[in-house]
């Protein structure tokens, strides 16, 4: 076990559920389900296949002899033919009807669509759970004012909950992209070697309607309403590109969110969970590193980079198919889903127990609020008869000097004292202090949180209410 390469996505990061969807057992048992669906549908349309033959095939769907299949593949250099032979040895009376009229892409491509759909469905559930956790966080802190940042420089205040809705907005877009893709996924269906269905037309003696019905029956038996209208030997690899783009979108959103969390942890305002016995640094015992957020960022970059592979594969295909897609897809699709699964699991873990230090948040906001309050101070002074242009220039000068006291000399912000002592403003310190309530500067932050959650998030949460609340335990 320890003397060969192990994929960290399997050993450290992704869930058993997602690993199973892309496992050999799932892949090759789905091949067999497709062969059973094909044989049964051909029987129903009049081909000389018996119910017993179909039943025998169905009984062995999950009972795969992987060693035997490997021996055949070594000999034949063809994975589909290897599994046909291995399947046939288990059900000798049905051997002759396995894969009747089909080409390798019948099992390969249809199986890929099936596991892609299941992978997307699991991804969607985990994404909804993350939105649910962020919703709870946003509601709890919707009214807690915090310093806003543009360019990571102090800017107009908002609330901690409002900031969380920005993360949720990105993830909501990702949800709709995934949901739409799931709704529109179609099987490759029964299309033949170059997509013309010629072999099946021959099988049914030129009966076009039976060929069309065969395609429909197989799709329905596998849980799909439709197959793609036209194909070459394979379904267009554009679908793979769309799928990986959706997963990449999730990675982009989570990378951005965890960038914010890492910066907030540096500011000691918000921290990701920290285990009782967790070690932040082997050298510096006091450290509380945002290692889960960093892991999300690291894996997200891997997923974003992976999404380039299917784009290049799609663009470089020749005519009805080439095989230069195969080896690439074996790695890219599985790793893409396992990586998306991993970052969503870690994100669900992180957002379950975010720690908010409200006093630090308030202290930082109040240290900068005098600068934010200058517009209100200016308007108050104008109300009392001051000249706006003159006062604006004085505020500019006082602000520069106050900033110098803070940055050059390490002193406290004395802007408000400077304004109170300037007779031009005609304001005493009590009048000025009345303008320092942080809630005066957060705009519609609280209402925006309520409206966003009520209008955009709650309908999705309600739809998946029976799939919510799963806690995520990380391996490391």
Protein backbone atom coordinates (compact mmCIF):
# COMPACT_ATOMS: atom_id res chain seq x y z
CA UNK A 1 0.00 0.00 0.00
CA UNK A 2 2.78 2.44 0.87
CA UNK A 3 5.19 1.57 -1.95
CA UNK A 4 3.16 3.07 -4.81
CA UNK A 5 1.59 6.40 -5.63
CA UNK A 6 -1.67 7.21 -3.88
CA UNK A 7 -3.95 9.98 -5.06
CA UNK A 8 -4.43 12.43 -2.17
CA UNK A 9 -7.93 13.16 -3.41
CA UNK A 10 -8.80 9.61 -2.46
CA UNK A 11 -6.73 9.19 0.70
CA UNK A 12 -7.18 12.65 2.25
CA UNK A 13 -9.81 14.89 0.74
CA UNK A 14 -12.87 13.56 -1.12
CA UNK A 15 -15.87 11.71 0.29
CA UNK A 16 -16.59 8.00 -0.02
CA UNK A 17 -19.84 8.86 -1.81
CA UNK A 18 -18.10 10.72 -4.62
CA UNK A 19 -15.32 8.15 -4.80
CA UNK A 20 -17.90 5.42 -5.33
CA UNK A 21 -19.57 7.32 -8.19
CA UNK A 22 -16.24 7.29 -10.05
CA UNK A 23 -15.17 3.83 -8.90
CA UNK A 24 -14.50 0.82 -11.18
CA UNK A 25 -17.45 -1.00 -9.57
CA UNK A 26 -19.82 1.81 -10.49
CA UNK A 27 -18.38 2.19 -13.97
CA UNK A 28 -18.47 -1.43 -15.03
CA UNK A 29 -21.74 -2.31 -13.34
CA UNK A 30 -23.24 0.61 -15.29
CA UNK A 31 -21.79 -0.88 -18.48
CA UNK A 32 -23.68 -4.04 -17.62
CA UNK A 33 -26.88 -2.13 -16.90
CA UNK A 34 -26.58 -0.60 -20.35
CA UNK A 35 -26.04 -4.00 -21.95
CA UNK A 36 -29.11 -5.33 -20.12
CA UNK A 37 -31.19 -2.32 -21.17
CA UNK A 38 -30.06 -2.75 -24.77
CA UNK A 39 -30.82 -6.49 -24.87
CA UNK A 40 -34.18 -6.08 -23.14
CA UNK A 41 -35.21 -3.25 -25.48
CA UNK A 42 -34.14 -5.23 -28.54
CA UNK A 43 -36.18 -8.17 -27.25
CA UNK A 44 -39.22 -5.93 -26.75
CA UNK A 45 -38.90 -4.75 -30.34
CA UNK A 46 -38.86 -8.27 -31.77
CA UNK A 47 -35.20 -9.34 -31.85
CA UNK A 48 -34.68 -13.04 -31.05
CA UNK A 49 -33.64 -12.62 -27.41
CA UNK A 50 -35.32 -14.46 -24.55
CA UNK A 51 -36.47 -13.14 -21.17
CA UNK A 52 -34.24 -15.75 -19.53
CA UNK A 53 -31.17 -14.40 -21.31
CA UNK A 54 -31.97 -10.89 -20.14
CA UNK A 55 -32.68 -12.15 -16.60
CA UNK A 56 -29.37 -14.00 -16.48
CA UNK A 57 -27.53 -10.86 -17.54
CA UNK A 58 -29.35 -8.78 -14.92
CA UNK A 59 -28.45 -11.22 -12.14
CA UNK A 60 -24.73 -10.62 -12.76
CA UNK A 61 -24.73 -6.83 -13.06
CA UNK A 62 -22.84 -6.27 -9.80
CA UNK A 63 -20.86 -9.52 -9.80
CA UNK A 64 -17.81 -8.42 -11.79
CA UNK A 65 -14.67 -10.54 -12.05
CA UNK A 66 -12.10 -7.76 -12.34
CA UNK A 67 -9.16 -10.16 -12.49
CA UNK A 68 -10.66 -11.99 -15.43
CA UNK A 69 -11.44 -8.74 -17.21
CA UNK A 70 -7.85 -7.59 -16.65
CA UNK A 71 -6.51 -10.80 -18.22
CA UNK A 72 -8.71 -10.30 -21.27
CA UNK A 73 -7.69 -6.65 -21.59
CA UNK A 74 -4.01 -7.55 -21.47
CA UNK A 75 -4.64 -9.99 -24.30
CA UNK A 76 -7.08 -7.97 -26.42
CA UNK A 77 -5.83 -4.42 -25.67
CA UNK A 78 -9.47 -3.32 -25.58
CA UNK A 79 -11.31 -2.64 -22.33
CA UNK A 80 -14.86 -2.98 -23.68
CA UNK A 81 -14.18 -6.30 -25.41
CA UNK A 82 -12.43 -7.51 -22.27
CA UNK A 83 -15.51 -6.89 -20.17
CA UNK A 84 -17.80 -8.40 -22.79
CA UNK A 85 -15.79 -11.62 -22.62
CA UNK A 86 -15.67 -11.56 -18.80
CA UNK A 87 -19.44 -10.97 -18.64
CA UNK A 88 -20.06 -13.69 -21.22
CA UNK A 89 -18.15 -16.29 -19.23
CA UNK A 90 -20.50 -15.67 -16.30
CA UNK A 91 -23.64 -16.00 -18.45
CA UNK A 92 -22.67 -18.30 -21.36
CA UNK A 93 -26.24 -18.65 -22.62
CA UNK A 94 -26.47 -14.88 -23.02
CA UNK A 95 -22.98 -14.30 -24.34
CA UNK A 96 -24.06 -13.96 -27.97
CA UNK A 97 -26.51 -11.12 -27.34
CA UNK A 98 -24.28 -8.85 -25.26
CA UNK A 99 -23.49 -5.57 -27.06
CA UNK A 100 -25.63 -6.55 -30.07
CA UNK A 101 -25.32 -3.81 -32.72
CA UNK A 102 -23.44 -1.49 -30.40
CA UNK A 103 -20.03 0.15 -30.43
CA UNK A 104 -17.72 0.80 -27.47
CA UNK A 105 -19.02 4.33 -26.98
CA UNK A 106 -22.45 2.88 -26.24
CA UNK A 107 -21.26 1.74 -22.82
CA UNK A 108 -18.38 4.18 -22.40
CA UNK A 109 -20.10 7.46 -23.22
CA UNK A 110 -23.50 6.61 -21.79
CA UNK A 111 -21.86 5.55 -18.54
CA UNK A 112 -19.91 8.80 -18.43
CA UNK A 113 -23.13 10.81 -18.74
CA UNK A 114 -24.76 8.72 -15.99
CA UNK A 115 -21.91 9.15 -13.51
CA UNK A 116 -21.50 12.82 -14.43
CA UNK A 117 -25.16 13.38 -13.62
CA UNK A 118 -24.86 11.57 -10.29
CA UNK A 119 -21.68 13.51 -9.51
CA UNK A 120 -23.40 16.80 -10.29
CA UNK A 121 -26.39 15.84 -8.13
CA UNK A 122 -24.13 15.13 -5.16
CA UNK A 123 -22.25 18.38 -5.82
CA UNK A 124 -25.55 20.27 -5.91
CA UNK A 125 -26.63 18.88 -2.55
CA UNK A 126 -23.35 19.87 -0.93
CA UNK A 127 -23.58 23.32 -2.50
CA UNK A 128 -27.09 23.78 -1.11
CA UNK A 129 -25.89 22.71 2.34
CA UNK A 130 -23.17 25.34 2.13
CA UNK A 131 -25.73 27.99 1.19
CA UNK A 132 -27.81 26.89 4.18
CA UNK A 133 -24.88 27.29 6.58
CA UNK A 134 -23.96 30.67 5.14
CA UNK A 135 -27.60 31.73 5.38
CA UNK A 136 -27.59 31.02 9.11
CA UNK A 137 -24.33 32.92 9.51
CA UNK A 138 -25.61 35.89 7.51
CA UNK A 139 -28.81 36.11 9.54
CA UNK A 140 -26.97 35.92 12.86
CA UNK A 141 -24.62 38.75 11.94
CA UNK A 142 -26.79 40.76 9.55
CA UNK A 143 -26.78 43.79 11.88
CA UNK A 144 -23.16 43.70 13.10
CA UNK A 145 -21.41 46.69 11.46
CA UNK A 146 -17.94 46.06 10.13
CA UNK A 147 -15.38 48.03 8.20
CA UNK A 148 -15.69 47.61 4.46
CA UNK A 149 -12.64 47.28 2.24
CA UNK A 150 -11.93 48.23 -1.33
CA UNK A 151 -8.39 47.50 -2.50
CA UNK A 152 -8.02 46.15 1.09
CA UNK A 153 -8.13 49.78 2.17
CA UNK A 154 -10.75 51.05 4.66
CA UNK A 155 -14.01 51.89 2.92
CA UNK A 156 -17.66 52.49 3.77
CA UNK A 157 -18.99 50.16 6.47
CA UNK A 158 -21.36 47.26 5.84
CA UNK A 159 -22.30 44.36 8.10
CA UNK A 160 -20.73 40.97 8.65
CA UNK A 161 -23.90 39.31 7.37
CA UNK A 162 -23.99 41.47 4.26
CA UNK A 163 -20.44 40.43 3.43
CA UNK A 164 -21.50 36.77 3.68
CA UNK A 165 -24.23 37.39 1.08
CA UNK A 166 -21.50 38.31 -1.40
CA UNK A 167 -20.06 34.82 -1.01
CA UNK A 168 -23.54 33.36 -1.28
CA UNK A 169 -24.29 35.33 -4.45
CA UNK A 170 -21.37 33.66 -6.24
CA UNK A 171 -22.40 30.22 -5.01
CA UNK A 172 -26.00 30.88 -6.03
CA UNK A 173 -24.86 31.49 -9.59
CA UNK A 174 -22.93 28.21 -9.42
CA UNK A 175 -26.04 26.42 -8.14
CA UNK A 176 -28.14 27.58 -11.08
CA UNK A 177 -25.43 26.62 -13.58
CA UNK A 178 -25.22 23.10 -12.12
CA UNK A 179 -28.99 22.77 -11.79
CA UNK A 180 -29.49 23.81 -15.40
CA UNK A 181 -26.83 21.39 -16.62
CA UNK A 182 -28.38 18.48 -14.71
CA UNK A 183 -31.80 19.31 -16.18
CA UNK A 184 -30.44 19.33 -19.72
CA UNK A 185 -28.09 16.33 -19.64
CA UNK A 186 -29.01 13.71 -22.21
CA UNK A 187 -27.66 10.22 -22.81
CA UNK A 188 -25.63 9.50 -25.90
CA UNK A 189 -28.20 6.80 -26.53
CA UNK A 190 -28.06 4.13 -29.23
CA UNK A 191 -26.19 5.74 -32.12
CA UNK A 192 -23.75 3.24 -33.65
CA UNK A 193 -20.16 3.57 -34.77
CA UNK A 194 -20.32 6.99 -36.43
CA UNK A 195 -23.63 8.16 -35.06
CA UNK A 196 -25.74 7.07 -38.07
CA UNK A 197 -27.42 4.10 -36.31
CA UNK A 198 -26.62 2.04 -39.44
CA UNK A 199 -26.01 -1.21 -37.51
CA UNK A 200 -29.36 -0.94 -35.74
CA UNK A 201 -31.14 -0.10 -38.97
CA UNK A 202 -29.67 -3.33 -40.36
CA UNK A 203 -30.68 -5.22 -37.21
CA UNK A 204 -34.31 -4.13 -37.65
CA UNK A 205 -34.37 -4.69 -41.41
CA UNK A 206 -34.59 -1.03 -42.31
CA UNK A 207 -37.36 -0.15 -39.84
CA UNK A 208 -36.59 3.44 -38.88
CA UNK A 209 -39.32 3.63 -36.27
CA UNK A 210 -37.96 0.65 -34.37
CA UNK A 211 -34.48 2.16 -34.34
CA UNK A 212 -35.89 5.38 -32.90
CA UNK A 213 -37.93 3.42 -30.38
CA UNK A 214 -34.85 1.42 -29.34
CA UNK A 215 -33.02 4.66 -28.57
CA UNK A 216 -35.98 5.90 -26.52
CA UNK A 217 -36.43 2.64 -24.61
CA UNK A 218 -32.78 2.42 -23.58
CA UNK A 219 -32.79 6.02 -22.39
CA UNK A 220 -35.94 5.52 -20.34
CA UNK A 221 -34.62 2.35 -18.71
CA UNK A 222 -31.57 4.33 -17.55
CA UNK A 223 -33.67 7.18 -16.18
CA UNK A 224 -33.33 9.71 -19.02
CA UNK A 225 -36.12 11.25 -21.08
CA UNK A 226 -34.02 11.85 -24.16
CA UNK A 227 -30.75 11.14 -25.91
CA UNK A 228 -28.66 13.77 -27.69
CA UNK A 229 -30.20 14.42 -31.14
CA UNK A 230 -27.05 13.69 -33.13
CA UNK A 231 -23.58 12.39 -32.41
CA UNK A 232 -20.47 11.04 -34.00
CA UNK A 233 -19.17 7.90 -32.38
CA UNK A 234 -19.05 9.84 -29.10
CA UNK A 235 -21.19 12.55 -27.61
CA UNK A 236 -19.67 15.95 -28.25
CA UNK A 237 -16.85 16.66 -25.81
CA UNK A 238 -18.37 20.10 -25.45
CA UNK A 239 -20.46 18.50 -22.69
CA UNK A 240 -17.33 17.62 -20.71
CA UNK A 241 -16.19 21.20 -21.08
CA UNK A 242 -19.50 22.52 -19.76
CA UNK A 243 -19.37 20.11 -16.82
CA UNK A 244 -15.85 21.04 -15.82
CA UNK A 245 -16.62 24.73 -16.24
CA UNK A 246 -19.43 24.32 -13.69
CA UNK A 247 -17.05 22.66 -11.24
CA UNK A 248 -14.42 25.32 -11.92
CA UNK A 249 -17.02 27.99 -11.13
CA UNK A 250 -17.49 26.46 -7.68
CA UNK A 251 -13.73 26.50 -7.17
CA UNK A 252 -13.54 30.16 -8.18
CA UNK A 253 -16.28 31.08 -5.71
CA UNK A 254 -14.76 29.14 -2.82
CA UNK A 255 -11.26 30.46 -3.53
CA UNK A 256 -12.58 34.01 -3.35
CA UNK A 257 -14.54 33.28 -0.17
CA UNK A 258 -11.58 31.68 1.56
CA UNK A 259 -9.30 34.52 0.49
CA UNK A 260 -11.64 36.79 2.45
CA UNK A 261 -11.68 34.43 5.42
CA UNK A 262 -7.91 34.23 5.51
CA UNK A 263 -7.62 38.01 5.47
CA UNK A 264 -10.27 38.29 8.18
CA UNK A 265 -8.40 35.77 10.29
CA UNK A 266 -5.26 37.88 9.91
CA UNK A 267 -7.29 40.85 11.16
CA UNK A 268 -8.51 38.71 14.09
CA UNK A 269 -12.12 39.47 13.14
CA UNK A 270 -13.37 36.07 11.92
CA UNK A 271 -11.65 32.71 12.33
CA UNK A 272 -12.27 29.29 10.88
CA UNK A 273 -12.74 26.50 13.45
CA UNK A 274 -9.63 25.43 15.33
CA UNK A 275 -9.48 21.97 16.88
CA UNK A 276 -8.76 21.54 20.59
CA UNK A 277 -5.52 19.67 19.86
CA UNK A 278 -4.79 21.27 16.49
CA UNK A 279 -1.23 22.52 15.91
CA UNK A 280 -0.89 25.72 13.93
CA UNK A 281 2.88 25.60 13.48
CA UNK A 282 5.60 23.15 14.36
CA UNK A 283 7.79 26.05 15.48
CA UNK A 284 5.39 28.76 16.68
CA UNK A 285 3.03 27.22 19.23
CA UNK A 286 0.80 30.30 19.44
CA UNK A 287 -0.22 30.29 15.77
CA UNK A 288 -3.76 29.63 14.57
CA UNK A 289 -3.29 29.20 10.84
CA UNK A 290 -6.34 29.18 8.53
CA UNK A 291 -5.27 25.80 7.17
CA UNK A 292 -8.73 24.66 6.03
CA UNK A 293 -9.30 27.80 4.02
CA UNK A 294 -5.80 27.47 2.62
CA UNK A 295 -6.56 23.88 1.61
CA UNK A 296 -9.69 25.01 -0.22
CA UNK A 297 -7.66 27.64 -2.07
CA UNK A 298 -4.98 25.12 -2.97
CA UNK A 299 -7.40 22.49 -4.28
CA UNK A 300 -9.48 25.16 -6.03
CA UNK A 301 -6.52 26.18 -8.13
CA UNK A 302 -6.05 22.54 -9.13
CA UNK A 303 -9.68 22.32 -10.22
CA UNK A 304 -9.56 25.60 -12.14
CA UNK A 305 -6.47 24.33 -13.98
CA UNK A 306 -8.15 20.97 -14.69
CA UNK A 307 -11.03 22.72 -16.43
CA UNK A 308 -8.68 23.67 -19.26
CA UNK A 309 -8.25 19.99 -20.24
CA UNK A 310 -11.74 19.35 -21.67
CA UNK A 311 -11.62 22.67 -23.47
CA UNK A 312 -8.50 21.57 -25.31
CA UNK A 313 -9.92 18.08 -25.88
CA UNK A 314 -13.15 19.41 -27.38
CA UNK A 315 -11.33 21.82 -29.67
CA UNK A 316 -8.90 19.18 -30.98
CA UNK A 317 -11.35 16.38 -31.89
CA UNK A 318 -11.33 15.07 -35.49
CA UNK A 319 -14.50 14.35 -37.46
CA UNK A 320 -16.64 11.64 -35.82
CA UNK A 321 -14.04 10.82 -33.14
CA UNK A 322 -10.40 10.39 -32.23
CA UNK A 323 -8.99 8.47 -29.29
CA UNK A 324 -6.74 11.22 -27.99
CA UNK A 325 -9.54 12.21 -25.64
CA UNK A 326 -9.67 8.91 -23.76
CA UNK A 327 -6.64 8.91 -21.46
CA UNK A 328 -7.12 12.58 -20.65
CA UNK A 329 -10.80 12.11 -19.72
CA UNK A 330 -10.05 9.15 -17.46
CA UNK A 331 -8.03 11.49 -15.26
CA UNK A 332 -9.73 14.86 -15.70
CA UNK A 333 -13.38 14.01 -15.09
CA UNK A 334 -12.86 11.88 -12.01
CA UNK A 335 -10.30 14.22 -10.46
CA UNK A 336 -12.50 17.21 -11.25
CA UNK A 337 -15.46 15.81 -9.36
CA UNK A 338 -13.36 14.53 -6.45
CA UNK A 339 -11.72 17.94 -6.11
CA UNK A 340 -15.04 19.79 -6.21
CA UNK A 341 -16.36 17.35 -3.64
CA UNK A 342 -13.36 17.97 -1.40
CA UNK A 343 -13.55 21.76 -1.42
CA UNK A 344 -17.28 21.72 -0.75
CA UNK A 345 -16.84 19.32 2.17
CA UNK A 346 -14.11 21.50 3.66
CA UNK A 347 -16.20 24.64 3.09
CA UNK A 348 -19.18 23.04 4.81
CA UNK A 349 -16.93 22.14 7.72
CA UNK A 350 -15.47 25.64 7.97
CA UNK A 351 -18.78 27.50 7.79
CA UNK A 352 -20.39 25.29 10.43
CA UNK A 353 -18.36 26.89 13.22
CA UNK A 354 -16.98 30.26 12.12
CA UNK A 355 -15.80 32.30 15.10
CA UNK A 356 -16.66 36.01 15.08
CA UNK A 357 -14.82 38.46 17.33
CA UNK A 358 -17.32 41.29 17.47
CA UNK A 359 -15.29 43.50 19.82
CA UNK A 360 -12.28 43.44 17.48
CA UNK A 361 -14.58 44.19 14.56
CA UNK A 362 -16.12 47.15 16.38
CA UNK A 363 -12.76 48.46 17.57
CA UNK A 364 -11.34 48.49 14.05
CA UNK A 365 -14.46 50.11 12.64
CA UNK A 366 -14.47 52.83 15.28
CA UNK A 367 -10.81 53.61 14.66
CA UNK A 368 -11.63 54.40 11.03
CA UNK A 369 -15.16 55.77 11.45
CA UNK A 370 -14.05 59.39 11.97
CA UNK A 371 -12.90 59.40 8.35
CA UNK A 372 -16.15 57.78 7.20
CA UNK A 373 -18.21 60.31 9.20
CA UNK A 374 -16.69 63.40 7.59
CA UNK A 375 -19.44 63.70 4.95
CA UNK A 376 -22.13 63.71 7.65
CA UNK A 377 -20.09 66.16 9.74
CA UNK A 378 -19.75 68.38 6.69
CA UNK A 379 -23.52 68.39 6.08
CA UNK A 380 -24.22 69.12 9.77
CA UNK A 381 -21.81 72.05 9.71
CA UNK A 382 -23.41 73.41 6.53
CA UNK A 383 -26.82 73.21 8.24
CA UNK A 384 -25.40 75.54 10.89
CA UNK A 385 -24.37 78.10 8.31
CA UNK A 386 -20.95 76.91 7.15
CA UNK A 387 -19.58 77.21 3.61
CA UNK A 388 -19.36 73.73 2.06
CA UNK A 389 -16.31 74.35 -0.10
CA UNK A 390 -14.34 75.94 2.73
CA UNK A 391 -15.33 73.16 5.14
CA UNK A 392 -14.47 70.46 2.59
CA UNK A 393 -10.94 71.82 2.25
CA UNK A 394 -10.52 72.04 6.01
CA UNK A 395 -11.67 68.41 6.43
CA UNK A 396 -9.17 67.37 3.78
CA UNK A 397 -6.34 69.09 5.61
CA UNK A 398 -7.40 67.81 9.04
CA UNK A 399 -7.77 64.25 7.66
CA UNK A 400 -4.28 64.26 6.21
CA UNK A 401 -2.82 65.47 9.48
CA UNK A 402 -4.80 62.95 11.54
CA UNK A 403 -3.66 60.18 9.23
CA UNK A 404 -0.09 61.31 9.70
CA UNK A 405 -0.47 61.08 13.48
CA UNK A 406 -1.64 57.47 13.13
CA UNK A 407 0.77 56.24 10.46
CA UNK A 408 3.92 58.23 11.15
CA UNK A 409 3.81 58.66 14.90
CA UNK A 410 1.69 55.65 15.92
CA UNK A 411 -0.76 57.82 17.81
CA UNK A 412 -4.56 57.59 17.97
CA UNK A 413 -6.82 59.14 15.37
CA UNK A 414 -7.46 62.72 16.57
CA UNK A 415 -9.50 63.92 13.58
CA UNK A 416 -12.66 64.55 15.59
CA UNK A 417 -10.81 66.65 18.16
CA UNK A 418 -9.30 68.72 15.36
CA UNK A 419 -12.72 69.37 13.87
CA UNK A 420 -14.27 70.19 17.26
CA UNK A 421 -11.50 72.67 17.96
CA UNK A 422 -11.90 74.36 14.55
CA UNK A 423 -14.38 77.20 15.02
CA UNK A 424 -15.22 77.20 11.33
CA UNK A 425 -17.34 74.05 11.81
CA UNK A 426 -19.31 75.50 14.74
CA UNK A 427 -19.78 71.97 16.18
CA UNK A 428 -18.99 70.77 19.68
CA UNK A 429 -17.73 67.29 20.48
CA UNK A 430 -21.15 66.08 21.65
CA UNK A 431 -22.70 67.04 18.33
CA UNK A 432 -19.89 65.32 16.47
CA UNK A 433 -20.07 62.17 18.59
CA UNK A 434 -23.78 61.86 17.80
CA UNK A 435 -22.73 61.22 14.21
CA UNK A 436 -20.53 58.26 15.15
CA UNK A 437 -23.20 55.59 15.41
CA UNK A 438 -21.96 52.86 12.98
CA UNK A 439 -25.51 51.96 11.98
CA UNK A 440 -25.78 55.38 10.31
CA UNK A 441 -23.24 54.24 7.70
CA UNK A 442 -24.28 50.69 6.76
CA UNK A 443 -26.98 51.73 4.33
CA UNK A 444 -29.49 48.96 3.58
CA UNK A 445 -27.16 46.14 4.65
CA UNK A 446 -29.65 44.57 7.05
CA UNK A 447 -32.56 44.79 4.63
CA UNK A 448 -30.43 43.47 1.79
CA UNK A 449 -29.56 40.38 3.82
CA UNK A 450 -33.22 39.72 4.62
CA UNK A 451 -34.37 40.34 1.05
CA UNK A 452 -31.63 38.27 -0.54
CA UNK A 453 -32.24 35.29 1.72
CA UNK A 454 -36.02 35.49 1.45
CA UNK A 455 -36.13 35.97 -2.32
CA UNK A 456 -33.13 33.97 -3.53
CA UNK A 457 -31.94 31.46 -0.94
CA UNK A 458 -35.01 30.26 0.95
CA UNK A 459 -36.80 28.81 -2.12
CA UNK A 460 -33.75 26.60 -2.77
CA UNK A 461 -33.40 25.66 0.90
CA UNK A 462 -37.08 24.69 1.00
CA UNK A 463 -36.71 22.54 -2.11
CA UNK A 464 -33.91 20.50 -0.52
CA UNK A 465 -35.05 20.65 3.13
CA UNK A 466 -34.74 16.88 3.52
CA UNK A 467 -31.10 16.97 2.37
CA UNK A 468 -29.82 19.57 4.83
CA UNK A 469 -27.80 19.47 8.01
CA UNK A 470 -25.09 16.91 7.31
CA UNK A 471 -21.99 17.65 9.38
CA UNK A 472 -18.66 17.07 7.65
CA UNK A 473 -15.76 15.44 9.44
CA UNK A 474 -12.43 16.01 7.72
CA UNK A 475 -9.79 13.29 7.49
CA UNK A 476 -6.93 15.69 8.19
